[in-house]
Protein backbone atom coordinates (compact mmCIF):
# COMPACT_ATOMS: atom_id res chain seq x y z
CA MET A 1 108.80 103.07 72.57
CA LYS A 2 110.02 101.73 75.92
CA ASP A 3 112.98 99.80 75.67
CA ILE A 4 112.91 96.92 78.56
CA GLN A 5 115.79 94.74 78.14
CA PRO A 6 115.09 91.49 79.72
CA ASN A 7 117.56 90.10 82.33
CA GLY A 8 118.63 87.00 80.12
CA THR A 9 117.87 85.77 76.80
CA GLY A 10 114.25 86.74 75.67
CA GLY A 11 112.37 84.46 73.05
CA SER A 12 113.34 86.89 70.44
CA GLY A 13 116.74 88.02 71.77
CA ALA A 14 117.99 90.09 74.67
CA THR A 15 117.04 93.70 72.32
CA ASP A 16 113.37 92.80 72.80
CA GLN A 17 111.59 95.98 72.43
CA ILE A 18 107.80 96.47 73.73
CA ASP A 19 105.29 99.17 72.84
CA ASP A 20 103.46 99.65 75.87
CA ARG A 21 101.89 103.08 75.07
CA TRP A 22 98.82 101.40 75.11
CA ASN A 23 96.40 103.99 74.73
CA ASP A 24 98.19 104.60 71.11
CA LYS A 25 96.89 101.37 70.31
CA TYR A 26 93.86 101.72 71.51
CA PRO A 27 92.89 105.42 71.26
CA TYR A 28 88.81 105.10 70.88
CA LEU A 29 89.62 104.43 74.67
CA GLY A 30 90.47 107.99 75.18
CA THR A 31 92.81 109.71 77.91
CA GLU A 32 90.65 111.99 79.80
CA PRO A 33 90.18 111.56 83.58
CA ILE A 34 87.61 109.02 84.63
CA PRO A 35 84.75 109.89 86.96
CA LEU A 36 84.66 108.51 90.34
CA GLU A 37 80.65 108.26 90.52
CA PRO A 38 80.51 104.72 89.36
CA TYR A 39 82.35 103.81 92.22
CA ILE A 40 80.07 105.26 95.08
CA SER A 41 76.83 106.03 93.54
CA ARG A 42 73.65 103.39 94.83
CA GLU A 43 71.89 104.56 91.56
CA TYR A 44 74.67 103.68 89.60
CA PHE A 45 75.07 100.45 91.19
CA GLU A 46 71.36 99.28 90.70
CA LEU A 47 71.67 99.88 86.93
CA GLU A 48 75.08 97.55 87.09
CA ARG A 49 72.73 95.05 88.96
CA ASP A 50 69.99 94.87 86.67
CA ARG A 51 71.40 95.74 83.03
CA ILE A 52 74.77 93.76 83.66
CA PHE A 53 74.64 90.92 86.36
CA ARG A 54 71.44 89.66 85.44
CA ASN A 55 72.28 89.76 81.50
CA VAL A 56 75.48 88.03 81.15
CA TRP A 57 77.28 84.83 81.50
CA LEU A 58 78.93 84.30 85.38
CA ASN A 59 81.14 81.86 86.34
CA VAL A 60 80.35 80.08 89.59
CA GLY A 61 82.91 77.20 89.77
CA ARG A 62 84.72 74.38 87.99
CA ILE A 63 83.32 70.76 87.22
CA GLU A 64 86.06 69.44 89.73
CA GLN A 65 83.64 70.55 92.87
CA ILE A 66 80.82 68.04 91.48
CA PRO A 67 82.58 64.88 90.00
CA ASN A 68 79.91 62.80 90.59
CA PRO A 69 76.08 62.18 90.20
CA GLY A 70 74.37 63.96 92.96
CA ASP A 71 77.54 66.46 94.08
CA TYR A 72 76.34 70.03 94.39
CA PHE A 73 77.52 73.14 95.62
CA VAL A 74 75.43 76.35 96.62
CA HIS A 75 76.64 80.13 95.17
CA GLU A 76 74.96 82.93 96.91
CA LEU A 77 74.17 85.53 94.48
CA PRO A 78 73.34 88.64 96.90
CA VAL A 79 73.94 91.26 93.65
CA CYS A 80 70.79 89.29 92.15
CA HIS A 81 68.81 88.70 95.36
CA THR A 82 69.30 84.84 94.78
CA SER A 83 70.77 81.76 95.54
CA VAL A 84 71.91 79.13 93.07
CA VAL A 85 72.48 75.43 93.27
CA VAL A 86 74.63 73.91 90.88
CA VAL A 87 74.48 70.24 90.77
CA ARG A 88 75.63 67.21 88.37
CA GLY A 89 72.44 64.98 87.67
CA LYS A 90 72.43 61.34 87.42
CA GLU A 91 72.62 61.27 83.57
CA GLY A 92 76.01 63.12 84.34
CA LYS A 93 74.66 66.34 83.05
CA VAL A 94 75.35 69.56 84.96
CA HIS A 95 72.18 71.93 86.31
CA ALA A 96 71.69 75.14 87.83
CA PHE A 97 68.42 75.87 89.77
CA HIS A 98 66.99 79.04 91.80
CA ASN A 99 67.71 77.66 95.34
CA MET A 100 63.74 78.03 95.94
CA CYS A 101 61.07 75.94 97.22
CA SER A 102 57.90 76.29 94.94
CA HIS A 103 55.95 76.11 98.03
CA ARG A 104 56.32 79.22 100.46
CA GLY A 105 59.52 79.99 98.90
CA ASN A 106 62.10 79.07 101.57
CA LYS A 107 65.40 78.27 100.66
CA VAL A 108 65.89 74.33 99.87
CA VAL A 109 69.75 73.71 100.17
CA TRP A 110 71.06 75.13 103.61
CA ASP A 111 74.63 74.03 103.44
CA ASN A 112 77.52 75.39 100.86
CA GLY A 113 77.76 71.92 99.48
CA GLY A 114 77.51 67.98 99.39
CA SER A 115 76.05 65.03 97.57
CA CYS A 116 72.61 63.69 97.95
CA GLN A 117 70.01 61.88 95.92
CA ASN A 118 67.15 64.57 96.26
CA PHE A 119 66.89 68.13 97.61
CA THR A 120 64.44 68.32 100.21
CA CYS A 121 62.76 71.68 101.61
CA LYS A 122 63.74 71.90 105.50
CA PHE A 123 60.42 73.76 105.95
CA HIS A 124 57.51 71.38 104.92
CA GLY A 125 59.34 68.62 103.40
CA TRP A 126 58.72 69.06 99.75
CA SER A 127 61.43 67.12 98.04
CA TYR A 128 63.10 67.62 94.32
CA GLY A 129 65.05 65.30 92.14
CA LEU A 130 68.43 66.08 91.09
CA ASP A 131 67.28 67.67 87.75
CA GLY A 132 64.80 69.98 89.56
CA THR A 133 61.22 68.02 89.25
CA LEU A 134 59.26 67.92 92.17
CA LYS A 135 59.33 64.14 93.54
CA PHE A 136 57.18 64.54 96.85
CA VAL A 137 54.62 66.84 98.52
CA PRO A 138 53.78 65.70 101.83
CA ASP A 139 49.96 66.00 102.35
CA GLU A 140 49.52 66.68 98.84
CA GLU A 141 45.62 65.61 98.89
CA SER A 142 45.29 68.74 100.69
CA PHE A 143 46.01 71.13 98.06
CA PHE A 144 43.98 72.54 95.40
CA GLY A 145 44.92 71.08 91.93
CA LEU A 146 48.62 70.71 92.56
CA GLN A 147 50.14 70.42 89.01
CA LYS A 148 53.66 69.17 90.60
CA GLU A 149 55.07 68.62 86.82
CA LYS A 150 54.94 72.59 86.89
CA LEU A 151 56.23 73.07 90.10
CA GLY A 152 60.12 72.25 89.82
CA LEU A 153 62.83 74.11 91.17
CA THR A 154 63.08 77.34 88.64
CA PRO A 155 66.27 76.31 86.15
CA ILE A 156 68.91 78.67 85.42
CA ALA A 157 70.77 78.27 81.91
CA VAL A 158 73.99 76.53 82.57
CA ASP A 159 77.07 75.77 80.56
CA THR A 160 81.04 74.99 80.79
CA TRP A 161 84.25 76.13 79.03
CA ALA A 162 87.36 74.38 80.00
CA GLY A 163 86.17 72.92 82.86
CA PHE A 164 84.58 76.24 84.22
CA ILE A 165 80.69 76.33 85.20
CA PHE A 166 79.18 79.46 84.13
CA ILE A 167 75.47 80.57 84.49
CA HIS A 168 73.16 83.03 82.96
CA LEU A 169 69.84 83.69 85.19
CA ASP A 170 67.90 84.10 81.87
CA PRO A 171 66.66 80.71 81.27
CA ASN A 172 67.16 81.65 77.19
CA PRO A 173 70.16 83.99 76.92
CA ALA A 174 70.47 85.81 73.81
CA GLU A 175 73.85 84.84 73.19
CA THR A 176 75.65 81.15 73.99
CA LEU A 177 78.75 81.05 76.07
CA ASN A 178 80.76 80.15 73.57
CA GLU A 179 79.56 83.50 71.88
CA TYR A 180 80.12 85.30 74.99
CA LEU A 181 83.71 84.03 75.20
CA ALA A 182 84.60 84.04 71.50
CA GLU A 183 87.19 86.88 72.31
CA VAL A 184 89.19 84.82 74.71
CA VAL A 185 88.44 81.39 74.23
CA PRO A 186 91.46 81.04 71.03
CA GLY A 187 93.99 82.39 73.47
CA LEU A 188 93.12 79.87 76.01
CA GLU A 189 92.34 76.57 73.96
CA GLY A 190 94.63 73.87 75.11
CA TYR A 191 95.80 75.08 78.69
CA PRO A 192 95.77 72.05 80.78
CA PHE A 193 93.27 73.57 82.97
CA SER A 194 91.99 69.81 84.32
CA GLU A 195 95.46 68.63 85.22
CA ALA A 196 96.34 71.67 87.18
CA SER A 197 93.11 71.65 89.03
CA ALA A 198 93.95 68.69 91.04
CA THR A 199 94.67 70.85 94.40
CA ARG A 200 92.91 73.90 95.11
CA PHE A 201 93.02 76.62 97.92
CA CYS A 202 90.54 79.37 98.21
CA TRP A 203 89.95 82.31 100.21
CA ARG A 204 86.91 84.12 100.66
CA THR A 205 86.30 87.63 102.59
CA GLU A 206 83.89 90.34 102.14
CA ILE A 207 85.66 93.73 101.85
CA LYS A 208 84.50 97.34 102.37
CA ALA A 209 84.67 98.41 98.89
CA ASN A 210 82.97 98.63 95.52
CA TRP A 211 83.26 95.68 93.41
CA LYS A 212 85.40 97.71 90.54
CA VAL A 213 87.45 99.29 93.05
CA ALA A 214 88.59 95.70 94.08
CA GLN A 215 89.27 94.72 90.58
CA ASP A 216 90.93 97.48 89.07
CA ALA A 217 93.61 96.85 91.67
CA PHE A 218 94.49 93.53 89.70
CA GLN A 219 94.57 95.13 86.03
CA GLU A 220 97.75 97.21 86.62
CA GLY A 221 101.11 96.49 87.89
CA TYR A 222 101.79 100.04 88.50
CA HIS A 223 101.57 99.42 91.98
CA PHE A 224 103.63 96.67 92.35
CA PRO A 225 106.90 98.40 93.34
CA VAL A 226 105.09 100.37 96.27
CA ARG A 227 102.70 97.86 97.78
CA HIS A 228 104.37 95.08 97.25
CA LYS A 229 107.84 96.29 98.12
CA GLU A 230 108.66 93.71 100.96
CA SER A 231 106.91 90.50 99.55
CA ALA A 232 106.73 90.27 95.90
CA ALA A 233 108.11 93.32 94.05
CA SER A 234 111.58 92.39 93.20
CA ALA A 235 110.04 89.21 91.46
CA PHE A 236 108.15 91.23 89.04
CA THR A 237 110.39 94.29 88.42
CA SER A 238 114.04 95.30 87.99
CA GLU A 239 116.29 97.90 87.10
CA THR A 240 114.97 97.90 83.34
CA ASN A 241 111.26 97.56 84.15
CA PRO A 242 110.77 99.33 87.65
CA TYR A 243 106.99 99.99 87.15
CA CYS A 244 106.24 96.45 86.06
CA HIS A 245 105.13 97.52 82.67
CA PHE A 246 103.15 94.84 80.47
CA LEU A 247 104.94 92.88 77.89
CA SER A 248 101.78 92.59 75.45
CA LEU A 249 98.26 93.39 76.11
CA ASP A 250 95.04 93.25 74.58
CA VAL A 251 91.65 94.54 74.93
CA TYR A 252 88.25 93.23 73.18
CA LYS A 253 84.71 94.18 73.11
CA ARG A 254 84.20 93.10 76.87
CA HIS A 255 87.24 91.00 77.87
CA ARG A 256 90.92 91.70 78.08
CA ARG A 257 94.21 89.88 78.15
CA THR A 258 97.75 90.99 79.66
CA SER A 259 101.17 89.55 80.06
CA SER A 260 103.23 90.56 82.95
CA TYR A 261 106.67 91.07 83.23
CA GLY A 262 109.27 88.38 85.30
CA ASN A 263 112.49 89.22 86.67
CA LEU A 264 114.93 86.20 85.43
CA GLY A 265 117.45 87.89 88.20
CA TYR A 266 115.37 87.49 90.88
CA ARG A 267 117.06 86.07 93.91
CA PRO A 268 114.63 84.28 96.29
CA THR A 269 115.37 83.78 100.15
CA ALA A 270 116.37 80.70 101.26
CA VAL A 271 112.66 79.18 101.89
CA GLU A 272 111.65 80.55 98.61
CA GLY A 273 114.70 78.62 96.95
CA LEU A 274 113.69 75.68 98.58
CA ALA A 275 109.94 75.89 97.69
CA HIS A 276 111.31 76.89 94.16
CA GLU A 277 113.53 73.95 94.27
CA PHE A 278 110.48 71.31 94.45
CA GLY A 279 107.53 73.24 92.19
CA SER A 280 105.89 76.19 91.42
CA SER A 281 105.28 79.36 93.41
CA VAL A 282 103.47 82.53 92.83
CA VAL A 283 106.86 84.03 91.71
CA VAL A 284 108.49 81.08 89.90
CA ASP A 285 107.00 78.36 87.80
CA ARG A 286 108.11 75.15 86.91
CA GLY A 287 105.31 73.47 84.78
CA LEU A 288 104.98 73.24 81.06
CA SER A 289 107.38 74.33 78.92
CA MET A 290 107.00 77.39 76.48
CA GLU A 291 106.53 75.46 73.36
CA ASP A 292 103.77 73.69 75.34
CA LEU A 293 101.62 77.13 76.43
CA PRO A 294 98.65 78.00 74.17
CA ALA A 295 99.26 80.55 71.83
CA GLY A 296 97.48 83.53 73.73
CA VAL A 297 99.37 82.60 76.72
CA ASN A 298 102.71 84.60 76.91
CA PRO A 299 101.98 85.37 73.39
CA THR A 300 105.47 87.01 72.68
CA ARG A 301 106.99 84.23 74.04
CA ARG A 302 109.56 86.02 75.91
CA GLN A 303 111.59 84.63 78.75
CA ASP A 304 111.07 87.74 80.82
CA TRP A 305 107.31 86.63 81.50
CA SER A 306 105.49 85.59 84.64
CA ILE A 307 101.83 85.29 84.21
CA ASP A 308 98.76 86.32 82.03
CA VAL A 309 95.61 87.59 82.95
CA PHE A 310 92.40 86.91 81.24
CA TRP A 311 89.70 89.40 82.46
CA ILE A 312 86.05 87.93 81.55
CA PHE A 313 83.70 90.24 82.06
CA PRO A 314 82.30 91.53 84.43
CA ASN A 315 83.87 89.68 87.67
CA PHE A 316 85.88 87.06 86.94
CA SER A 317 89.72 86.57 85.96
CA VAL A 318 91.99 83.76 85.05
CA PHE A 319 95.75 84.23 85.62
CA PRO A 320 97.21 81.29 83.79
CA THR A 321 100.91 80.55 84.30
CA ASN A 322 103.43 77.73 82.98
CA GLY A 323 101.65 75.01 85.19
CA THR A 324 99.53 76.83 87.71
CA TYR A 325 96.83 79.10 87.87
CA LEU A 326 94.55 81.34 89.96
CA THR A 327 91.18 82.93 89.81
CA HIS A 328 89.40 86.08 91.19
CA HIS A 329 85.70 86.78 91.27
CA PHE A 330 84.42 89.84 92.72
CA TRP A 331 80.67 89.62 93.52
CA PRO A 332 78.91 92.96 94.38
CA ILE A 333 76.70 93.07 97.65
CA THR A 334 76.20 97.02 97.74
CA GLU A 335 78.08 100.23 96.02
CA ASP A 336 80.47 99.80 98.85
CA ARG A 337 80.60 96.03 99.67
CA THR A 338 82.12 93.00 97.74
CA ILE A 339 82.78 89.29 98.35
CA TRP A 340 86.19 88.56 96.99
CA GLU A 341 86.92 85.13 96.12
CA THR A 342 90.51 83.83 95.30
CA HIS A 343 91.00 80.25 94.31
CA THR A 344 94.66 78.89 93.13
CA TYR A 345 95.10 75.95 91.39
CA PHE A 346 98.04 73.05 91.50
CA PRO A 347 98.71 69.88 89.80
CA ARG A 348 98.27 67.11 92.24
CA ALA A 349 101.48 67.19 94.36
CA LYS A 350 103.80 63.98 93.42
CA ASP A 351 106.03 64.24 96.71
CA ALA A 352 106.53 65.99 99.64
CA GLY A 353 108.83 68.40 98.38
CA GLN A 354 105.90 69.53 96.10
CA ARG A 355 103.23 69.68 98.28
CA PHE A 356 105.62 72.20 100.83
CA SER A 357 106.17 74.41 97.34
CA GLN A 358 102.23 74.70 97.07
CA GLU A 359 101.55 75.51 100.73
CA TYR A 360 104.48 78.14 100.92
CA SER A 361 103.12 79.33 97.42
CA LYS A 362 99.41 79.65 99.23
CA VAL A 363 100.65 81.54 102.17
CA LEU A 364 102.81 84.23 99.76
CA LEU A 365 99.61 84.53 97.66
CA ARG A 366 97.79 85.28 101.32
CA ASP A 367 100.04 87.78 102.21
CA ILE A 368 100.10 89.47 98.76
CA LEU A 369 96.32 89.64 98.71
CA MET A 370 96.30 90.97 102.28
CA GLU A 371 98.31 93.88 101.12
CA ASP A 372 96.09 94.75 98.01
CA GLY A 373 92.89 94.27 100.58
CA THR A 374 94.13 96.85 102.94
CA THR A 375 94.97 99.59 100.34
CA LEU A 376 91.29 98.50 98.67
CA GLU A 377 89.44 99.85 101.81
CA HIS A 378 91.34 102.84 102.80
CA MET A 379 90.53 103.93 99.05
CA GLN A 380 86.76 102.80 99.26
CA GLU A 381 86.59 105.18 102.57
CA VAL A 382 87.47 108.38 101.32
CA LEU A 383 85.92 108.43 97.55
CA ALA A 384 82.54 109.30 98.94
CA SER A 385 83.74 112.59 100.46
CA GLY A 386 83.91 114.04 97.15
CA ALA A 387 86.66 115.82 97.53
CA LYS A 388 88.00 114.34 94.26
CA THR A 389 85.79 113.67 91.23
CA HIS A 390 87.79 111.95 88.82
CA MET A 391 90.59 109.75 88.86
CA GLN A 392 93.72 110.05 86.52
CA LEU A 393 95.11 106.99 84.44
CA GLN A 394 98.41 106.31 82.79
CA HIS A 395 98.99 104.10 79.94
CA GLN A 396 99.89 101.08 81.95
CA GLU A 397 95.97 101.65 83.47
CA ILE A 398 94.63 101.05 80.25
CA CYS A 399 92.44 98.06 81.44
CA VAL A 400 91.19 99.90 84.13
CA ARG A 401 89.86 102.63 81.60
CA HIS A 402 88.60 99.81 79.44
CA ALA A 403 87.07 98.30 82.09
CA TYR A 404 85.18 101.64 82.89
CA LYS A 405 83.86 101.58 79.30
CA VAL A 406 82.31 98.42 79.13
CA VAL A 407 80.50 98.86 82.56
CA GLU A 408 79.46 102.09 81.15
CA ASP A 409 77.99 100.57 77.88
CA TYR A 410 76.22 98.21 79.46
CA VAL A 411 74.63 100.82 82.25
CA GLY A 412 74.10 103.64 80.03
CA HIS A 413 74.04 106.34 82.71
CA TYR A 414 76.11 108.86 81.10
CA ASP A 415 74.00 108.95 77.90
CA GLY A 416 70.91 108.83 79.47
CA SER A 417 69.67 105.76 78.57
């Protein structure tokens, strides 16, 4: 047992202890080193493409992006060699389609999003309704027995949970979205995602790293006192918890959840203090009361808590705090290239002070993420050298170990399947 004392009165008193020997809690995950091959192998990446990303539910956005009939956005999905259009139909239903014309295969929608009444291909003018049906073909009489009712946009399975839009490339997936998310839904049930999604800031970049290298960096706090020493480490570490040990942790069949420590004795800079006075930031939250949080968010109800992370397999994570939240997506391109998207969400600002606080938080988060991104690219550069074949993991990195196992369970590379 590791004795971690809160810097103040904890939810269960100042003598709270946490059992942070997580591998003891989940002995089936083992303690052996993890092979590095899945981070550099083209063969392994192709198996991930076919056996994971083509066969699971993938989050592509939120309903606030398409509030009205005719609103749409395009999500490029290079890992599956496709482009996806997500649109709200005239009846209010959310639809998803492959962004591909039935005529000669051109991409129908070329922009990132907007609002329209029909989608018209810019190559020959074939036009599709918001429900994907083929509405108009120029010079239709010159075709040979054209059956327009069978030539609509190719549908993609789509469903929503708590305002998050998920797609499945199999039009008839073996399990529903609710079944897929059954492990994490109870823990997040009731979190005010809609209220907290009024304001959204986004970052999107391509990094020269494997998608799992990028994702793994956010599944442990062990790097915080070193990599984020100048930016945010003192808000998430203290003399009693110098290595940012988790307060609680659960791993499931596919997904994971962690609760992170927050230093109650943290003293912000003058500018930070001004931002904190008016609203939430990356390191201080002034939103929901502890009693208003869902049971699965900060389940220990400790006061020395900062943020939870729900890792939804394969590449999506939600970071709820007590008033704001952020998300990460890591979209594979190749075995050493990844599109990294981060979205941070806030309630609608009620005054200029809250708006300033949100802007400050956005910039602080950007700086923290840039510290991570540089590290990831340096790591990928040397992984392919073969100088090392395995990574060494400790208790606080058990989510990395679990993520490796779940990926391998789908891929089956090492069992020869």
